[in-house]
Amino acid sequence: MTVVIIILLIAAIALFVLSFMQKDESKQIETELEEVASQLMHENYELKKRVSLLEKAMNITKEPAEQADEDAETEAESVSPKMKSLLKKQVITLYTSGISVDEIVEQVTLPKEEIEQTIEEYLEH
């Protein structure tokens, strides 16, 4: 019995020493992840800069909110009835999960008036 305990103790000490000799790969992975995040942030910055240059070149003078409203109306007009039904279901799901109307407007491609109307119809039933 004592021999088994001594063997287990020696094995535990050997494994403990061996664990300190192992290379820590998490540091390497962490630095690689930081590099990728840095590259993505830089690319995002470059893309935003290019978009602003294109907007200036095209002389886009509308406010972003007005542009978003017009885009939403245009997209809503070109949406099929099945897609519109799915979007309305999504509006109801988002509303029942506690998301505000303004946040729903940002997430769904329907105009604000139609979203409010969909919510009113849901509350009436």
C-alpha atoms as a PDB file:
ATOM      1  CA  MET A   1       0.000   0.000   0.000  1.00  0.00           C
ATOM      2  CA  THR A   2       2.802   2.404   0.888  1.00  0.00           C
ATOM      3  CA  VAL A   3       4.552   1.577  -2.379  1.00  0.00           C
ATOM      4  CA  VAL A   4       1.445   2.582  -4.362  1.00  0.00           C
ATOM      5  CA  ILE A   5       1.180   5.892  -2.485  1.00  0.00           C
ATOM      6  CA  ILE A   6       4.873   6.637  -3.087  1.00  0.00           C
ATOM      7  CA  ILE A   7       4.529   5.832  -6.808  1.00  0.00           C
ATOM      8  CA  LEU A   8       1.453   8.087  -7.092  1.00  0.00           C
ATOM      9  CA  LEU A   9       3.273  10.890  -5.240  1.00  0.00           C
ATOM     10  CA  ILE A  10       6.280  10.644  -7.565  1.00  0.00           C
ATOM     11  CA  ALA A  11       3.984  10.627 -10.613  1.00  0.00           C
ATOM     12  CA  ALA A  12       2.141  13.708  -9.308  1.00  0.00           C
ATOM     13  CA  ILE A  13       5.399  15.601  -8.738  1.00  0.00           C
ATOM     14  CA  ALA A  14       6.661  14.629 -12.197  1.00  0.00           C
ATOM     15  CA  LEU A  15       3.450  15.803 -13.845  1.00  0.00           C
ATOM     16  CA  PHE A  16       3.540  19.039 -11.821  1.00  0.00           C
ATOM     17  CA  VAL A  17       7.100  19.790 -12.984  1.00  0.00           C
ATOM     18  CA  LEU A  18       6.193  18.808 -16.539  1.00  0.00           C
ATOM     19  CA  SER A  19       3.244  21.253 -16.534  1.00  0.00           C
ATOM     20  CA  PHE A  20       5.627  24.151 -15.874  1.00  0.00           C
ATOM     21  CA  MET A  21       7.823  23.102 -18.773  1.00  0.00           C
ATOM     22  CA  GLN A  22       4.941  23.146 -21.253  1.00  0.00           C
ATOM     23  CA  LYS A  23       4.705  26.112 -23.587  1.00  0.00           C
ATOM     24  CA  ASP A  24       1.846  28.509 -22.925  1.00  0.00           C
ATOM     25  CA  GLU A  25       0.017  28.766 -26.271  1.00  0.00           C
ATOM     26  CA  SER A  26      -2.732  31.028 -24.978  1.00  0.00           C
ATOM     27  CA  LYS A  27      -0.387  34.045 -25.050  1.00  0.00           C
ATOM     28  CA  GLN A  28       0.363  33.426 -28.715  1.00  0.00           C
ATOM     29  CA  ILE A  29      -3.313  33.039 -29.562  1.00  0.00           C
ATOM     30  CA  GLU A  30      -4.127  36.203 -27.633  1.00  0.00           C
ATOM     31  CA  THR A  31      -1.548  38.249 -29.544  1.00  0.00           C
ATOM     32  CA  GLU A  32      -2.800  36.870 -32.873  1.00  0.00           C
ATOM     33  CA  LEU A  33      -6.357  37.774 -31.913  1.00  0.00           C
ATOM     34  CA  GLU A  34      -5.284  41.302 -31.003  1.00  0.00           C
ATOM     35  CA  GLU A  35      -3.532  41.646 -34.371  1.00  0.00           C
ATOM     36  CA  VAL A  36      -6.639  40.491 -36.249  1.00  0.00           C
ATOM     37  CA  ALA A  37      -8.842  42.897 -34.265  1.00  0.00           C
ATOM     38  CA  SER A  38      -6.439  45.725 -35.012  1.00  0.00           C
ATOM     39  CA  GLN A  39      -6.453  44.897 -38.722  1.00  0.00           C
ATOM     40  CA  LEU A  40     -10.259  44.787 -38.786  1.00  0.00           C
ATOM     41  CA  MET A  41     -10.510  48.146 -37.040  1.00  0.00           C
ATOM     42  CA  HIS A  42      -8.060  49.641 -39.539  1.00  0.00           C
ATOM     43  CA  GLU A  43      -9.964  48.202 -42.512  1.00  0.00           C
ATOM     44  CA  ASN A  44     -13.236  49.488 -41.066  1.00  0.00           C
ATOM     45  CA  TYR A  45     -11.723  52.952 -40.709  1.00  0.00           C
ATOM     46  CA  GLU A  46     -10.439  52.863 -44.292  1.00  0.00           C
ATOM     47  CA  LEU A  47     -13.848  51.785 -45.615  1.00  0.00           C
ATOM     48  CA  LYS A  48     -15.621  54.560 -43.725  1.00  0.00           C
ATOM     49  CA  LYS A  49     -13.126  57.048 -45.112  1.00  0.00           C
ATOM     50  CA  ARG A  50     -13.723  55.818 -48.662  1.00  0.00           C
ATOM     51  CA  VAL A  51     -17.491  55.973 -48.234  1.00  0.00           C
ATOM     52  CA  SER A  52     -17.289  59.553 -46.991  1.00  0.00           C
ATOM     53  CA  LEU A  53     -15.115  60.474 -49.977  1.00  0.00           C
ATOM     54  CA  LEU A  54     -17.635  58.865 -52.335  1.00  0.00           C
ATOM     55  CA  GLU A  55     -20.480  60.714 -50.643  1.00  0.00           C
ATOM     56  CA  LYS A  56     -18.624  63.978 -51.061  1.00  0.00           C
ATOM     57  CA  ALA A  57     -17.902  63.169 -54.700  1.00  0.00           C
ATOM     58  CA  MET A  58     -21.586  62.422 -55.311  1.00  0.00           C
ATOM     59  CA  ASN A  59     -22.634  65.562 -53.402  1.00  0.00           C
ATOM     60  CA  ILE A  60     -24.944  63.716 -51.068  1.00  0.00           C
ATOM     61  CA  THR A  61     -26.389  66.414 -48.843  1.00  0.00           C
ATOM     62  CA  LYS A  62     -29.341  64.628 -47.220  1.00  0.00           C
ATOM     63  CA  GLU A  63     -29.347  63.974 -43.517  1.00  0.00           C
ATOM     64  CA  PRO A  64     -28.630  60.326 -42.649  1.00  0.00           C
ATOM     65  CA  ALA A  65     -32.028  59.942 -40.941  1.00  0.00           C
ATOM     66  CA  GLU A  66     -33.854  61.270 -44.018  1.00  0.00           C
ATOM     67  CA  GLN A  67     -31.832  58.983 -46.264  1.00  0.00           C
ATOM     68  CA  ALA A  68     -32.598  55.980 -44.041  1.00  0.00           C
ATOM     69  CA  ASP A  69     -36.329  56.789 -44.071  1.00  0.00           C
ATOM     70  CA  GLU A  70     -36.348  57.062 -47.867  1.00  0.00           C
ATOM     71  CA  ASP A  71     -34.380  53.826 -48.205  1.00  0.00           C
ATOM     72  CA  ALA A  72     -36.798  52.043 -45.868  1.00  0.00           C
ATOM     73  CA  GLU A  73     -39.809  53.309 -47.828  1.00  0.00           C
ATOM     74  CA  THR A  74     -38.252  52.256 -51.129  1.00  0.00           C
ATOM     75  CA  GLU A  75     -37.398  48.815 -49.767  1.00  0.00           C
ATOM     76  CA  ALA A  76     -40.858  48.448 -48.236  1.00  0.00           C
ATOM     77  CA  GLU A  77     -42.497  49.205 -51.578  1.00  0.00           C
ATOM     78  CA  SER A  78     -40.415  46.569 -53.356  1.00  0.00           C
ATOM     79  CA  VAL A  79     -41.062  43.850 -50.728  1.00  0.00           C
ATOM     80  CA  SER A  80     -43.351  40.957 -51.632  1.00  0.00           C
ATOM     81  CA  PRO A  81     -46.508  40.333 -49.563  1.00  0.00           C
ATOM     82  CA  LYS A  82     -45.007  37.189 -47.974  1.00  0.00           C
ATOM     83  CA  MET A  83     -41.883  39.100 -46.997  1.00  0.00           C
ATOM     84  CA  LYS A  84     -43.989  41.933 -45.588  1.00  0.00           C
ATOM     85  CA  SER A  85     -45.928  39.416 -43.500  1.00  0.00           C
ATOM     86  CA  LEU A  86     -42.682  37.971 -42.153  1.00  0.00           C
ATOM     87  CA  LEU A  87     -41.396  41.458 -41.356  1.00  0.00           C
ATOM     88  CA  LYS A  88     -44.599  42.254 -39.474  1.00  0.00           C
ATOM     89  CA  LYS A  89     -44.215  39.045 -37.459  1.00  0.00           C
ATOM     90  CA  GLN A  90     -40.650  40.065 -36.695  1.00  0.00           C
ATOM     91  CA  VAL A  91     -41.893  43.491 -35.553  1.00  0.00           C
ATOM     92  CA  ILE A  92     -44.392  41.852 -33.198  1.00  0.00           C
ATOM     93  CA  THR A  93     -41.748  39.468 -31.865  1.00  0.00           C
ATOM     94  CA  LEU A  94     -39.318  42.306 -31.220  1.00  0.00           C
ATOM     95  CA  TYR A  95     -42.031  44.436 -29.595  1.00  0.00           C
ATOM     96  CA  THR A  96     -43.179  41.628 -27.291  1.00  0.00           C
ATOM     97  CA  SER A  97     -39.588  40.997 -26.246  1.00  0.00           C
ATOM     98  CA  GLY A  98     -39.415  44.565 -24.913  1.00  0.00           C
ATOM     99  CA  ILE A  99     -37.570  46.380 -27.698  1.00  0.00           C
ATOM    100  CA  SER A 100     -38.610  50.005 -28.283  1.00  0.00           C
ATOM    101  CA  VAL A 101     -40.178  51.187 -31.535  1.00  0.00           C
ATOM    102  CA  ASP A 102     -37.123  53.277 -32.445  1.00  0.00           C
ATOM    103  CA  GLU A 103     -34.849  50.247 -32.109  1.00  0.00           C
ATOM    104  CA  ILE A 104     -37.273  48.153 -34.187  1.00  0.00           C
ATOM    105  CA  VAL A 105     -37.172  50.827 -36.919  1.00  0.00           C
ATOM    106  CA  GLU A 106     -33.386  50.451 -37.039  1.00  0.00           C
ATOM    107  CA  GLN A 107     -33.598  46.652 -37.358  1.00  0.00           C
ATOM    108  CA  VAL A 108     -36.520  46.200 -39.768  1.00  0.00           C
ATOM    109  CA  THR A 109     -36.759  47.597 -43.295  1.00  0.00           C
ATOM    110  CA  LEU A 110     -40.325  48.838 -42.844  1.00  0.00           C
ATOM    111  CA  PRO A 111     -41.154  52.539 -42.388  1.00  0.00           C
ATOM    112  CA  LYS A 112     -41.877  53.750 -38.858  1.00  0.00           C
ATOM    113  CA  GLU A 113     -45.554  54.446 -39.585  1.00  0.00           C
ATOM    114  CA  GLU A 114     -46.108  50.873 -40.774  1.00  0.00           C
ATOM    115  CA  ILE A 115     -44.307  49.470 -37.732  1.00  0.00           C
ATOM    116  CA  GLU A 116     -46.461  51.568 -35.401  1.00  0.00           C
ATOM    117  CA  GLN A 117     -49.590  50.476 -37.273  1.00  0.00           C
ATOM    118  CA  THR A 118     -48.558  46.807 -36.987  1.00  0.00           C
ATOM    119  CA  ILE A 119     -48.030  47.188 -33.236  1.00  0.00           C
ATOM    120  CA  GLU A 120     -51.406  48.931 -32.831  1.00  0.00           C
ATOM    121  CA  GLU A 121     -53.148  46.122 -34.730  1.00  0.00           C
ATOM    122  CA  TYR A 122     -51.402  43.573 -32.520  1.00  0.00           C
ATOM    123  CA  LEU A 123     -52.455  45.369 -29.339  1.00  0.00           C
ATOM    124  CA  GLU A 124     -56.077  45.583 -30.518  1.00  0.00           C
ATOM    125  CA  HIS A 125     -56.312  41.824 -30.937  1.00  0.00           C
END
